[in-house]
């Protein structure tokens, strides 16, 4: 269960590490920012997920924003979408789904 930015980073980096063992052709970089957020970037297509932790009273949520790169290789400053889930729903399996269903997808087909 995610209850700190360190938990978030550890869960994401562990999931990416396990994913890269399954798919050696993927190039995903995990980075922890000074503000505590964690990002995952697909080096091949520029897609990026930025993940953050929020606390509402006694509940924690993990929020994430998805950014895509346009056909000219320029990263968008505005996210394509933003979503959140309860901290108990965010685990390595959830990160794996984010990677396969969003980070690895090529947005160019939509252009």
PDB file of N, CA and C in Angstrom:
ATOM      1  N   UNK A   1       0.840  -1.170   0.000  1.00  0.00           N
ATOM      2  CA  UNK A   1       0.000   0.000   0.000  1.00  0.00           C
ATOM      3  C   UNK A   1       0.893   1.244   0.000  1.00  0.00           C
ATOM      4  N   UNK A   2       0.553   2.191  -0.818  1.00  0.00           N
ATOM      5  CA  UNK A   2       1.337   3.419  -0.971  1.00  0.00           C
ATOM      6  C   UNK A   2       0.909   4.427   0.096  1.00  0.00           C
ATOM      7  N   UNK A   3       1.867   4.842   0.926  1.00  0.00           N
ATOM      8  CA  UNK A   3       1.572   5.850   1.950  1.00  0.00           C
ATOM      9  C   UNK A   3       2.631   6.942   1.996  1.00  0.00           C
ATOM     10  N   UNK A   4       3.611   6.866   1.100  1.00  0.00           N
ATOM     11  CA  UNK A   4       4.645   7.904   1.042  1.00  0.00           C
ATOM     12  C   UNK A   4       5.193   7.961  -0.377  1.00  0.00           C
ATOM     13  N   UNK A   5       5.912   9.048  -0.658  1.00  0.00           N
ATOM     14  CA  UNK A   5       6.531   9.166  -1.973  1.00  0.00           C
ATOM     15  C   UNK A   5       7.612   8.106  -2.170  1.00  0.00           C
ATOM     16  N   UNK A   6       8.252   7.683  -1.094  1.00  0.00           N
ATOM     17  CA  UNK A   6       9.233   6.606  -1.205  1.00  0.00           C
ATOM     18  C   UNK A   6       8.549   5.297  -1.585  1.00  0.00           C
ATOM     19  N   UNK A   7       7.378   5.021  -0.985  1.00  0.00           N
ATOM     20  CA  UNK A   7       6.606   3.830  -1.362  1.00  0.00           C
ATOM     21  C   UNK A   7       6.246   3.877  -2.844  1.00  0.00           C
ATOM     22  N   UNK A   8       5.833   5.046  -3.294  1.00  0.00           N
ATOM     23  CA  UNK A   8       5.449   5.212  -4.700  1.00  0.00           C
ATOM     24  C   UNK A   8       6.632   4.920  -5.615  1.00  0.00           C
ATOM     25  N   UNK A   9       7.765   5.536  -5.323  1.00  0.00           N
ATOM     26  CA  UNK A   9       8.956   5.328  -6.145  1.00  0.00           C
ATOM     27  C   UNK A   9       9.387   3.858  -6.136  1.00  0.00           C
ATOM     28  N   UNK A  10       9.396   3.236  -4.975  1.00  0.00           N
ATOM     29  CA  UNK A  10       9.822   1.835  -4.876  1.00  0.00           C
ATOM     30  C   UNK A  10       8.894   0.917  -5.666  1.00  0.00           C
ATOM     31  N   UNK A  11       7.606   1.150  -5.578  1.00  0.00           N
ATOM     32  CA  UNK A  11       6.641   0.315  -6.299  1.00  0.00           C
ATOM     33  C   UNK A  11       6.808   0.471  -7.805  1.00  0.00           C
ATOM     34  N   UNK A  12       6.931   1.712  -8.265  1.00  0.00           N
ATOM     35  CA  UNK A  12       7.077   1.965  -9.701  1.00  0.00           C
ATOM     36  C   UNK A  12       8.404   1.403 -10.211  1.00  0.00           C
ATOM     37  N   UNK A  13       9.507   1.692  -9.520  1.00  0.00           N
ATOM     38  CA  UNK A  13      10.811   1.231 -10.013  1.00  0.00           C
ATOM     39  C   UNK A  13      10.907  -0.286  -9.985  1.00  0.00           C
ATOM     40  N   UNK A  14      10.343  -0.927  -8.984  1.00  0.00           N
ATOM     41  CA  UNK A  14      10.353  -2.386  -8.921  1.00  0.00           C
ATOM     42  C   UNK A  14       9.522  -2.990 -10.051  1.00  0.00           C
ATOM     43  N   UNK A  15       8.364  -2.401 -10.326  1.00  0.00           N
ATOM     44  CA  UNK A  15       7.520  -2.900 -11.399  1.00  0.00           C
ATOM     45  C   UNK A  15       8.189  -2.727 -12.758  1.00  0.00           C
ATOM     46  N   UNK A  16       8.819  -1.574 -12.980  1.00  0.00           N
ATOM     47  CA  UNK A  16       9.511  -1.343 -14.252  1.00  0.00           C
ATOM     48  C   UNK A  16      10.674  -2.319 -14.396  1.00  0.00           C
ATOM     49  N   UNK A  17      11.415  -2.532 -13.333  1.00  0.00           N
ATOM     50  CA  UNK A  17      12.529  -3.487 -13.368  1.00  0.00           C
ATOM     51  C   UNK A  17      12.039  -4.878 -13.755  1.00  0.00           C
ATOM     52  N   UNK A  18      10.933  -5.321 -13.155  1.00  0.00           N
ATOM     53  CA  UNK A  18      10.369  -6.631 -13.490  1.00  0.00           C
ATOM     54  C   UNK A  18       9.850  -6.664 -14.922  1.00  0.00           C
ATOM     55  N   UNK A  19       9.233  -5.578 -15.375  1.00  0.00           N
ATOM     56  CA  UNK A  19       8.736  -5.507 -16.748  1.00  0.00           C
ATOM     57  C   UNK A  19       9.884  -5.625 -17.742  1.00  0.00           C
ATOM     58  N   UNK A  20      10.992  -4.926 -17.475  1.00  0.00           N
ATOM     59  CA  UNK A  20      12.136  -4.948 -18.390  1.00  0.00           C
ATOM     60  C   UNK A  20      12.786  -6.335 -18.466  1.00  0.00           C
ATOM     61  N   UNK A  21      12.618  -7.137 -17.439  1.00  0.00           N
ATOM     62  CA  UNK A  21      13.101  -8.523 -17.491  1.00  0.00           C
ATOM     63  C   UNK A  21      12.254  -9.339 -18.465  1.00  0.00           C
ATOM     64  N   UNK A  22      10.953  -9.000 -18.559  1.00  0.00           N
ATOM     65  CA  UNK A  22      10.042  -9.698 -19.467  1.00  0.00           C
ATOM     66  C   UNK A  22      10.204  -9.221 -20.907  1.00  0.00           C
ATOM     67  N   UNK A  23      10.415  -7.906 -21.065  1.00  0.00           N
ATOM     68  CA  UNK A  23      10.501  -7.307 -22.396  1.00  0.00           C
ATOM     69  C   UNK A  23      11.802  -6.517 -22.490  1.00  0.00           C
ATOM     70  N   UNK A  24      12.846  -7.186 -22.940  1.00  0.00           N
ATOM     71  CA  UNK A  24      14.173  -6.570 -22.988  1.00  0.00           C
ATOM     72  C   UNK A  24      14.293  -5.500 -24.067  1.00  0.00           C
ATOM     73  N   UNK A  25      13.335  -5.433 -24.989  1.00  0.00           N
ATOM     74  CA  UNK A  25      13.397  -4.417 -26.038  1.00  0.00           C
ATOM     75  C   UNK A  25      12.850  -3.065 -25.567  1.00  0.00           C
ATOM     76  N   UNK A  26      12.113  -3.061 -24.465  1.00  0.00           N
ATOM     77  CA  UNK A  26      11.549  -1.815 -23.944  1.00  0.00           C
ATOM     78  C   UNK A  26      12.647  -0.946 -23.335  1.00  0.00           C
ATOM     79  N   UNK A  27      12.473   0.355 -23.446  1.00  0.00           N
ATOM     80  CA  UNK A  27      13.418   1.310 -22.863  1.00  0.00           C
ATOM     81  C   UNK A  27      12.630   2.292 -22.003  1.00  0.00           C
ATOM     82  N   UNK A  28      12.462   1.934 -20.747  1.00  0.00           N
ATOM     83  CA  UNK A  28      11.680   2.762 -19.824  1.00  0.00           C
ATOM     84  C   UNK A  28      12.601   3.263 -18.723  1.00  0.00           C
ATOM     85  N   UNK A  29      12.532   4.565 -18.472  1.00  0.00           N
ATOM     86  CA  UNK A  29      13.359   5.200 -17.457  1.00  0.00           C
ATOM     87  C   UNK A  29      12.448   5.680 -16.327  1.00  0.00           C
ATOM     88  N   UNK A  30      12.841   5.397 -15.094  1.00  0.00           N
ATOM     89  CA  UNK A  30      12.109   5.857 -13.919  1.00  0.00           C
ATOM     90  C   UNK A  30      12.938   6.936 -13.244  1.00  0.00           C
ATOM     91  N   UNK A  31      12.266   8.010 -12.859  1.00  0.00           N
ATOM     92  CA  UNK A  31      12.977   9.121 -12.244  1.00  0.00           C
ATOM     93  C   UNK A  31      12.160   9.664 -11.077  1.00  0.00           C
ATOM     94  N   UNK A  32      12.851   9.967  -9.983  1.00  0.00           N
ATOM     95  CA  UNK A  32      12.206  10.594  -8.832  1.00  0.00           C
ATOM     96  C   UNK A  32      12.620  12.059  -8.801  1.00  0.00           C
ATOM     97  N   UNK A  33      11.641  12.947  -8.796  1.00  0.00           N
ATOM     98  CA  UNK A  33      11.888  14.383  -8.804  1.00  0.00           C
ATOM     99  C   UNK A  33      12.054  14.908  -7.374  1.00  0.00           C
ATOM    100  N   UNK A  34      12.614  16.107  -7.256  1.00  0.00           N
ATOM    101  CA  UNK A  34      12.815  16.729  -5.943  1.00  0.00           C
ATOM    102  C   UNK A  34      11.499  16.938  -5.195  1.00  0.00           C
ATOM    103  N   UNK A  35      10.416  17.161  -5.934  1.00  0.00           N
ATOM    104  CA  UNK A  35       9.120  17.381  -5.286  1.00  0.00           C
ATOM    105  C   UNK A  35       8.444  16.083  -4.860  1.00  0.00           C
ATOM    106  N   UNK A  36       9.110  14.949  -5.065  1.00  0.00           N
ATOM    107  CA  UNK A  36       8.591  13.653  -4.640  1.00  0.00           C
ATOM    108  C   UNK A  36       7.881  12.874  -5.719  1.00  0.00           C
ATOM    109  N   UNK A  37       7.502  13.522  -6.808  1.00  0.00           N
ATOM    110  CA  UNK A  37       6.803  12.795  -7.866  1.00  0.00           C
ATOM    111  C   UNK A  37       7.749  11.794  -8.533  1.00  0.00           C
ATOM    112  N   UNK A  38       7.163  10.791  -9.104  1.00  0.00           N
ATOM    113  CA  UNK A  38       7.904   9.776  -9.848  1.00  0.00           C
ATOM    114  C   UNK A  38       7.420   9.803 -11.285  1.00  0.00           C
ATOM    115  N   UNK A  39       8.346   9.670 -12.227  1.00  0.00           N
ATOM    116  CA  UNK A  39       7.942   9.621 -13.630  1.00  0.00           C
ATOM    117  C   UNK A  39       8.493   8.364 -14.286  1.00  0.00           C
ATOM    118  N   UNK A  40       7.748   7.891 -15.276  1.00  0.00           N
ATOM    119  CA  UNK A  40       8.184   6.791 -16.140  1.00  0.00           C
ATOM    120  C   UNK A  40       8.153   7.330 -17.553  1.00  0.00           C
ATOM    121  N   UNK A  41       9.246   7.186 -18.277  1.00  0.00           N
ATOM    122  CA  UNK A  41       9.318   7.672 -19.648  1.00  0.00           C
ATOM    123  C   UNK A  41       9.748   6.548 -20.573  1.00  0.00           C
ATOM    124  N   UNK A  42       9.012   6.395 -21.663  1.00  0.00           N
ATOM    125  CA  UNK A  42       9.379   5.445 -22.705  1.00  0.00           C
ATOM    126  C   UNK A  42      10.334   6.181 -23.636  1.00  0.00           C
ATOM    127  N   UNK A  43      11.593   5.793 -23.654  1.00  0.00           N
ATOM    128  CA  UNK A  43      12.600   6.478 -24.465  1.00  0.00           C
ATOM    129  C   UNK A  43      12.367   6.311 -25.961  1.00  0.00           C
ATOM    130  N   UNK A  44      11.648   5.270 -26.359  1.00  0.00           N
ATOM    131  CA  UNK A  44      11.428   5.027 -27.787  1.00  0.00           C
ATOM    132  C   UNK A  44      10.378   5.948 -28.401  1.00  0.00           C
ATOM    133  N   UNK A  45       9.305   6.243 -27.663  1.00  0.00           N
ATOM    134  CA  UNK A  45       8.250   7.067 -28.251  1.00  0.00           C
ATOM    135  C   UNK A  45       8.005   8.370 -27.493  1.00  0.00           C
ATOM    136  N   UNK A  46       8.683   8.578 -26.366  1.00  0.00           N
ATOM    137  CA  UNK A  46       8.546   9.813 -25.610  1.00  0.00           C
ATOM    138  C   UNK A  46       7.351   9.886 -24.678  1.00  0.00           C
ATOM    139  N   UNK A  47       6.495   8.870 -24.678  1.00  0.00           N
ATOM    140  CA  UNK A  47       5.357   8.871 -23.766  1.00  0.00           C
ATOM    141  C   UNK A  47       5.848   8.901 -22.327  1.00  0.00           C
ATOM    142  N   UNK A  48       5.107   9.615 -21.487  1.00  0.00           N
ATOM    143  CA  UNK A  48       5.550   9.802 -20.102  1.00  0.00           C
ATOM    144  C   UNK A  48       4.356   9.778 -19.166  1.00  0.00           C
ATOM    145  N   UNK A  49       4.539   9.128 -18.031  1.00  0.00           N
ATOM    146  CA  UNK A  49       3.563   9.149 -16.952  1.00  0.00           C
ATOM    147  C   UNK A  49       4.215   9.802 -15.743  1.00  0.00           C
ATOM    148  N   UNK A  50       3.539  10.783 -15.162  1.00  0.00           N
ATOM    149  CA  UNK A  50       4.005  11.418 -13.936  1.00  0.00           C
ATOM    150  C   UNK A  50       3.041  11.005 -12.837  1.00  0.00           C
ATOM    151  N   UNK A  51       3.590  10.463 -11.751  1.00  0.00           N
ATOM    152  CA  UNK A  51       2.776   9.928 -10.665  1.00  0.00           C
ATOM    153  C   UNK A  51       3.023  10.719  -9.386  1.00  0.00           C
ATOM    154  N   UNK A  52       1.943  10.989  -8.646  1.00  0.00           N
ATOM    155  CA  UNK A  52       2.055  11.743  -7.409  1.00  0.00           C
ATOM    156  C   UNK A  52       1.133  11.159  -6.353  1.00  0.00           C
ATOM    157  N   UNK A  53       1.378  11.499  -5.124  1.00  0.00           N
ATOM    158  CA  UNK A  53       0.599  10.991  -4.000  1.00  0.00           C
ATOM    159  C   UNK A  53      -0.205  12.130  -3.408  1.00  0.00           C
ATOM    160  N   UNK A  54      -1.462  11.860  -3.101  1.00  0.00           N
ATOM    161  CA  UNK A  54      -2.305  12.861  -2.469  1.00  0.00           C
ATOM    162  C   UNK A  54      -3.000  12.271  -1.257  1.00  0.00           C
ATOM    163  N   UNK A  55      -3.194  13.105  -0.256  1.00  0.00           N
ATOM    164  CA  UNK A  55      -3.882  12.651   0.946  1.00  0.00           C
ATOM    165  C   UNK A  55      -5.126  13.504   1.146  1.00  0.00           C
ATOM    166  N   UNK A  56      -6.241  12.846   1.321  1.00  0.00           N
ATOM    167  CA  UNK A  56      -7.518  13.501   1.573  1.00  0.00           C
ATOM    168  C   UNK A  56      -8.061  12.957   2.876  1.00  0.00           C
ATOM    169  N   UNK A  57      -7.930  13.747   3.939  1.00  0.00           N
ATOM    170  CA  UNK A  57      -8.335  13.310   5.275  1.00  0.00           C
ATOM    171  C   UNK A  57      -7.529  12.070   5.645  1.00  0.00           C
ATOM    172  N   UNK A  58      -8.175  10.938   5.792  1.00  0.00           N
ATOM    173  CA  UNK A  58      -7.451   9.715   6.148  1.00  0.00           C
ATOM    174  C   UNK A  58      -7.237   8.789   4.954  1.00  0.00           C
ATOM    175  N   UNK A  59      -7.564   9.263   3.742  1.00  0.00           N
ATOM    176  CA  UNK A  59      -7.386   8.464   2.529  1.00  0.00           C
ATOM    177  C   UNK A  59      -6.205   8.968   1.716  1.00  0.00           C
ATOM    178  N   UNK A  60      -5.503   8.025   1.106  1.00  0.00           N
ATOM    179  CA  UNK A  60      -4.430   8.359   0.175  1.00  0.00           C
ATOM    180  C   UNK A  60      -4.859   7.957  -1.226  1.00  0.00           C
ATOM    181  N   UNK A  61      -4.466   8.763  -2.206  1.00  0.00           N
ATOM    182  CA  UNK A  61      -4.695   8.422  -3.604  1.00  0.00           C
ATOM    183  C   UNK A  61      -3.396   8.633  -4.366  1.00  0.00           C
ATOM    184  N   UNK A  62      -3.226   7.825  -5.404  1.00  0.00           N
ATOM    185  CA  UNK A  62      -2.107   8.006  -6.316  1.00  0.00           C
ATOM    186  C   UNK A  62      -2.687   8.607  -7.588  1.00  0.00           C
ATOM    187  N   UNK A  63      -2.191   9.772  -7.938  1.00  0.00           N
ATOM    188  CA  UNK A  63      -2.625  10.440  -9.158  1.00  0.00           C
ATOM    189  C   UNK A  63      -1.573  10.258 -10.229  1.00  0.00           C
ATOM    190  N   UNK A  64      -2.010  10.236 -11.491  1.00  0.00           N
ATOM    191  CA  UNK A  64      -1.055  10.105 -12.581  1.00  0.00           C
ATOM    192  C   UNK A  64      -1.549  10.870 -13.791  1.00  0.00           C
ATOM    193  N   UNK A  65      -0.600  11.472 -14.469  1.00  0.00           N
ATOM    194  CA  UNK A  65      -0.879  12.248 -15.671  1.00  0.00           C
ATOM    195  C   UNK A  65      -0.087  11.642 -16.824  1.00  0.00           C
ATOM    196  N   UNK A  66      -0.733  11.533 -17.979  1.00  0.00           N
ATOM    197  CA  UNK A  66      -0.120  10.907 -19.148  1.00  0.00           C
ATOM    198  C   UNK A  66       0.176  11.962 -20.202  1.00  0.00           C
ATOM    199  N   UNK A  67       1.430  12.019 -20.627  1.00  0.00           N
ATOM    200  CA  UNK A  67       1.887  12.968 -21.640  1.00  0.00           C
ATOM    201  C   UNK A  67       2.378  12.200 -22.865  1.00  0.00           C
ATOM    202  N   UNK A  68       2.041  12.699 -24.045  1.00  0.00           N
ATOM    203  CA  UNK A  68       2.504  12.060 -25.279  1.00  0.00           C
ATOM    204  C   UNK A  68       3.381  13.032 -26.062  1.00  0.00           C
ATOM    205  N   UNK A  69       4.151  12.468 -26.967  1.00  0.00           N
ATOM    206  CA  UNK A  69       4.996  13.250 -27.858  1.00  0.00           C
ATOM    207  C   UNK A  69       4.321  13.327 -29.212  1.00  0.00           C
ATOM    208  N   UNK A  70       4.330  14.509 -29.829  1.00  0.00           N
ATOM    209  CA  UNK A  70       3.690  14.657 -31.131  1.00  0.00           C
ATOM    210  C   UNK A  70       4.541  14.006 -32.227  1.00  0.00           C
ATOM    211  N   UNK A  71       4.025  13.928 -33.452  1.00  0.00           N
ATOM    212  CA  UNK A  71       4.763  13.260 -34.535  1.00  0.00           C
ATOM    213  C   UNK A  71       6.116  13.881 -34.844  1.00  0.00           C
ATOM    214  N   UNK A  72       6.337  15.104 -34.373  1.00  0.00           N
ATOM    215  CA  UNK A  72       7.603  15.786 -34.629  1.00  0.00           C
ATOM    216  C   UNK A  72       8.590  15.632 -33.474  1.00  0.00           C
ATOM    217  N   UNK A  73       8.223  14.817 -32.489  1.00  0.00           N
ATOM    218  CA  UNK A  73       9.116  14.535 -31.377  1.00  0.00           C
ATOM    219  C   UNK A  73       9.064  15.538 -30.242  1.00  0.00           C
ATOM    220  N   UNK A  74       8.091  16.430 -30.267  1.00  0.00           N
ATOM    221  CA  UNK A  74       7.976  17.436 -29.222  1.00  0.00           C
ATOM    222  C   UNK A  74       7.009  16.950 -28.141  1.00  0.00           C
ATOM    223  N   UNK A  75       7.466  16.958 -26.901  1.00  0.00           N
ATOM    224  CA  UNK A  75       6.629  16.521 -25.783  1.00  0.00           C
ATOM    225  C   UNK A  75       5.597  17.583 -25.448  1.00  0.00           C
ATOM    226  N   UNK A  76       4.401  17.148 -25.164  1.00  0.00           N
ATOM    227  CA  UNK A  76       3.326  18.057 -24.794  1.00  0.00           C
ATOM    228  C   UNK A  76       3.538  18.563 -23.371  1.00  0.00           C
ATOM    229  N   UNK A  77       3.202  19.824 -23.150  1.00  0.00           N
ATOM    230  CA  UNK A  77       3.268  20.382 -21.802  1.00  0.00           C
ATOM    231  C   UNK A  77       1.972  20.136 -21.051  1.00  0.00           C
ATOM    232  N   UNK A  78       0.933  19.768 -21.767  1.00  0.00           N
ATOM    233  CA  UNK A  78      -0.362  19.480 -21.161  1.00  0.00           C
ATOM    234  C   UNK A  78      -0.634  17.975 -21.258  1.00  0.00           C
ATOM    235  N   UNK A  79      -1.103  17.376 -20.182  1.00  0.00           N
ATOM    236  CA  UNK A  79      -1.364  15.931 -20.225  1.00  0.00           C
ATOM    237  C   UNK A  79      -2.537  15.584 -21.130  1.00  0.00           C
ATOM    238  N   UNK A  80      -2.452  14.408 -21.720  1.00  0.00           N
ATOM    239  CA  UNK A  80      -3.570  13.871 -22.496  1.00  0.00           C
ATOM    240  C   UNK A  80      -4.736  13.566 -21.566  1.00  0.00           C
ATOM    241  N   UNK A  81      -4.423  13.038 -20.405  1.00  0.00           N
ATOM    242  CA  UNK A  81      -5.429  12.739 -19.399  1.00  0.00           C
ATOM    243  C   UNK A  81      -4.785  12.653 -18.016  1.00  0.00           C
ATOM    244  N   UNK A  82      -5.635  12.807 -17.010  1.00  0.00           N
ATOM    245  CA  UNK A  82      -5.222  12.719 -15.605  1.00  0.00           C
ATOM    246  C   UNK A  82      -6.208  11.795 -14.911  1.00  0.00           C
ATOM    247  N   UNK A  83      -5.695  10.960 -14.036  1.00  0.00           N
ATOM    248  CA  UNK A  83      -6.547  10.004 -13.320  1.00  0.00           C
ATOM    249  C   UNK A  83      -5.966   9.772 -11.933  1.00  0.00           C
ATOM    250  N   UNK A  84      -6.755   9.168 -11.064  1.00  0.00           N
ATOM    251  CA  UNK A  84      -6.230   8.761  -9.760  1.00  0.00           C
ATOM    252  C   UNK A  84      -6.926   7.490  -9.305  1.00  0.00           C
ATOM    253  N   UNK A  85      -6.259   6.784  -8.398  1.00  0.00           N
ATOM    254  CA  UNK A  85      -6.798   5.575  -7.794  1.00  0.00           C
ATOM    255  C   UNK A  85      -6.466   5.603  -6.314  1.00  0.00           C
ATOM    256  N   UNK A  86      -7.221   4.861  -5.528  1.00  0.00           N
ATOM    257  CA  UNK A  86      -6.901   4.745  -4.110  1.00  0.00           C
ATOM    258  C   UNK A  86      -5.562   4.040  -3.940  1.00  0.00           C
ATOM    259  N   UNK A  87      -4.855   4.390  -2.892  1.00  0.00           N
ATOM    260  CA  UNK A  87      -3.514   3.849  -2.676  1.00  0.00           C
ATOM    261  C   UNK A  87      -3.500   2.328  -2.554  1.00  0.00           C
ATOM    262  N   UNK A  88      -4.558   1.738  -2.046  1.00  0.00           N
ATOM    263  CA  UNK A  88      -4.578   0.273  -1.915  1.00  0.00           C
ATOM    264  C   UNK A  88      -4.811  -0.423  -3.258  1.00  0.00           C
ATOM    265  N   UNK A  89      -5.204   0.343  -4.283  1.00  0.00           N
ATOM    266  CA  UNK A  89      -5.390  -0.214  -5.631  1.00  0.00           C
ATOM    267  C   UNK A  89      -4.131  -0.098  -6.483  1.00  0.00           C
ATOM    268  N   UNK A  90      -3.176   0.677  -6.010  1.00  0.00           N
ATOM    269  CA  UNK A  90      -1.960   0.930  -6.782  1.00  0.00           C
ATOM    270  C   UNK A  90      -0.866  -0.023  -6.319  1.00  0.00           C
ATOM    271  N   UNK A  91      -0.488  -0.944  -7.206  1.00  0.00           N
ATOM    272  CA  UNK A  91       0.555  -1.916  -6.891  1.00  0.00           C
ATOM    273  C   UNK A  91       1.356  -2.201  -8.156  1.00  0.00           C
ATOM    274  N   UNK A  92       2.278  -3.151  -8.097  1.00  0.00           N
ATOM    275  CA  UNK A  92       3.114  -3.462  -9.265  1.00  0.00           C
ATOM    276  C   UNK A  92       2.282  -3.924 -10.455  1.00  0.00           C
ATOM    277  N   UNK A  93       1.217  -4.646 -10.206  1.00  0.00           N
ATOM    278  CA  UNK A  93       0.352  -5.106 -11.290  1.00  0.00           C
ATOM    279  C   UNK A  93      -0.299  -3.905 -11.987  1.00  0.00           C
ATOM    280  N   UNK A  94      -0.723  -2.912 -11.207  1.00  0.00           N
ATOM    281  CA  UNK A  94      -1.333  -1.721 -11.778  1.00  0.00           C
ATOM    282  C   UNK A  94      -0.318  -0.961 -12.631  1.00  0.00           C
ATOM    283  N   UNK A  95       0.913  -0.853 -12.152  1.00  0.00           N
ATOM    284  CA  UNK A  95       1.970  -0.181 -12.918  1.00  0.00           C
ATOM    285  C   UNK A  95       2.214  -0.925 -14.226  1.00  0.00           C
ATOM    286  N   UNK A  96       2.206  -2.241 -14.177  1.00  0.00           N
ATOM    287  CA  UNK A  96       2.393  -3.060 -15.382  1.00  0.00           C
ATOM    288  C   UNK A  96       1.313  -2.729 -16.415  1.00  0.00           C
ATOM    289  N   UNK A  97       0.086  -2.560 -15.969  1.00  0.00           N
ATOM    290  CA  UNK A  97      -1.010  -2.211 -16.875  1.00  0.00           C
ATOM    291  C   UNK A  97      -0.785  -0.823 -17.471  1.00  0.00           C
ATOM    292  N   UNK A  98      -0.359   0.140 -16.647  1.00  0.00           N
ATOM    293  CA  UNK A  98      -0.067   1.482 -17.162  1.00  0.00           C
ATOM    294  C   UNK A  98       1.001   1.434 -18.251  1.00  0.00           C
ATOM    295  N   UNK A  99       2.009   0.610 -18.040  1.00  0.00           N
ATOM    296  CA  UNK A  99       3.090   0.495 -19.021  1.00  0.00           C
ATOM    297  C   UNK A  99       2.571  -0.083 -20.330  1.00  0.00           C
ATOM    298  N   UNK A 100       1.900  -1.217 -20.266  1.00  0.00           N
ATOM    299  CA  UNK A 100       1.488  -1.905 -21.491  1.00  0.00           C
ATOM    300  C   UNK A 100       0.367  -1.191 -22.230  1.00  0.00           C
ATOM    301  N   UNK A 101      -0.579  -0.606 -21.495  1.00  0.00           N
ATOM    302  CA  UNK A 101      -1.733  -0.003 -22.150  1.00  0.00           C
ATOM    303  C   UNK A 101      -1.537   1.463 -22.532  1.00  0.00           C
ATOM    304  N   UNK A 102      -0.523   2.112 -21.973  1.00  0.00           N
ATOM    305  CA  UNK A 102      -0.357   3.531 -22.262  1.00  0.00           C
ATOM    306  C   UNK A 102       1.075   3.901 -22.653  1.00  0.00           C
ATOM    307  N   UNK A 103       2.019   3.575 -21.818  1.00  0.00           N
ATOM    308  CA  UNK A 103       3.392   4.020 -22.045  1.00  0.00           C
ATOM    309  C   UNK A 103       3.992   3.446 -23.325  1.00  0.00           C
ATOM    310  N   UNK A 104       3.684   2.192 -23.632  1.00  0.00           N
ATOM    311  CA  UNK A 104       4.246   1.561 -24.823  1.00  0.00           C
ATOM    312  C   UNK A 104       3.468   1.845 -26.099  1.00  0.00           C
ATOM    313  N   UNK A 105       2.250   2.355 -25.990  1.00  0.00           N
ATOM    314  CA  UNK A 105       1.420   2.598 -27.155  1.00  0.00           C
ATOM    315  C   UNK A 105       1.968   3.777 -27.955  1.00  0.00           C
ATOM    316  N   UNK A 106       1.890   3.666 -29.241  1.00  0.00           N
ATOM    317  CA  UNK A 106       2.357   4.724 -30.125  1.00  0.00           C
ATOM    318  C   UNK A 106       1.187   5.618 -30.476  1.00  0.00           C
ATOM    319  N   UNK A 107       1.275   6.866 -30.064  1.00  0.00           N
ATOM    320  CA  UNK A 107       0.201   7.820 -30.320  1.00  0.00           C
ATOM    321  C   UNK A 107       0.166   8.261 -31.773  1.00  0.00           C
ATOM    322  N   UNK A 108       1.241   8.053 -32.523  1.00  0.00           N
ATOM    323  CA  UNK A 108       1.299   8.515 -33.910  1.00  0.00           C
ATOM    324  C   UNK A 108       0.171   7.959 -34.763  1.00  0.00           C
ATOM    325  N   UNK A 109      -0.329   6.773 -34.419  1.00  0.00           N
ATOM    326  CA  UNK A 109      -1.425   6.189 -35.183  1.00  0.00           C
ATOM    327  C   UNK A 109      -2.683   7.039 -35.079  1.00  0.00           C
ATOM    328  N   UNK A 110      -2.788   7.840 -34.014  1.00  0.00           N
ATOM    329  CA  UNK A 110      -3.958   8.681 -33.818  1.00  0.00           C
ATOM    330  C   UNK A 110      -3.849   9.997 -34.579  1.00  0.00           C
ATOM    331  N   UNK A 111      -2.661  10.333 -35.080  1.00  0.00           N
ATOM    332  CA  UNK A 111      -2.487  11.632 -35.738  1.00  0.00           C
ATOM    333  C   UNK A 111      -3.098  11.591 -37.081  1.00  0.00           C
TER     334      UNK A 111
END
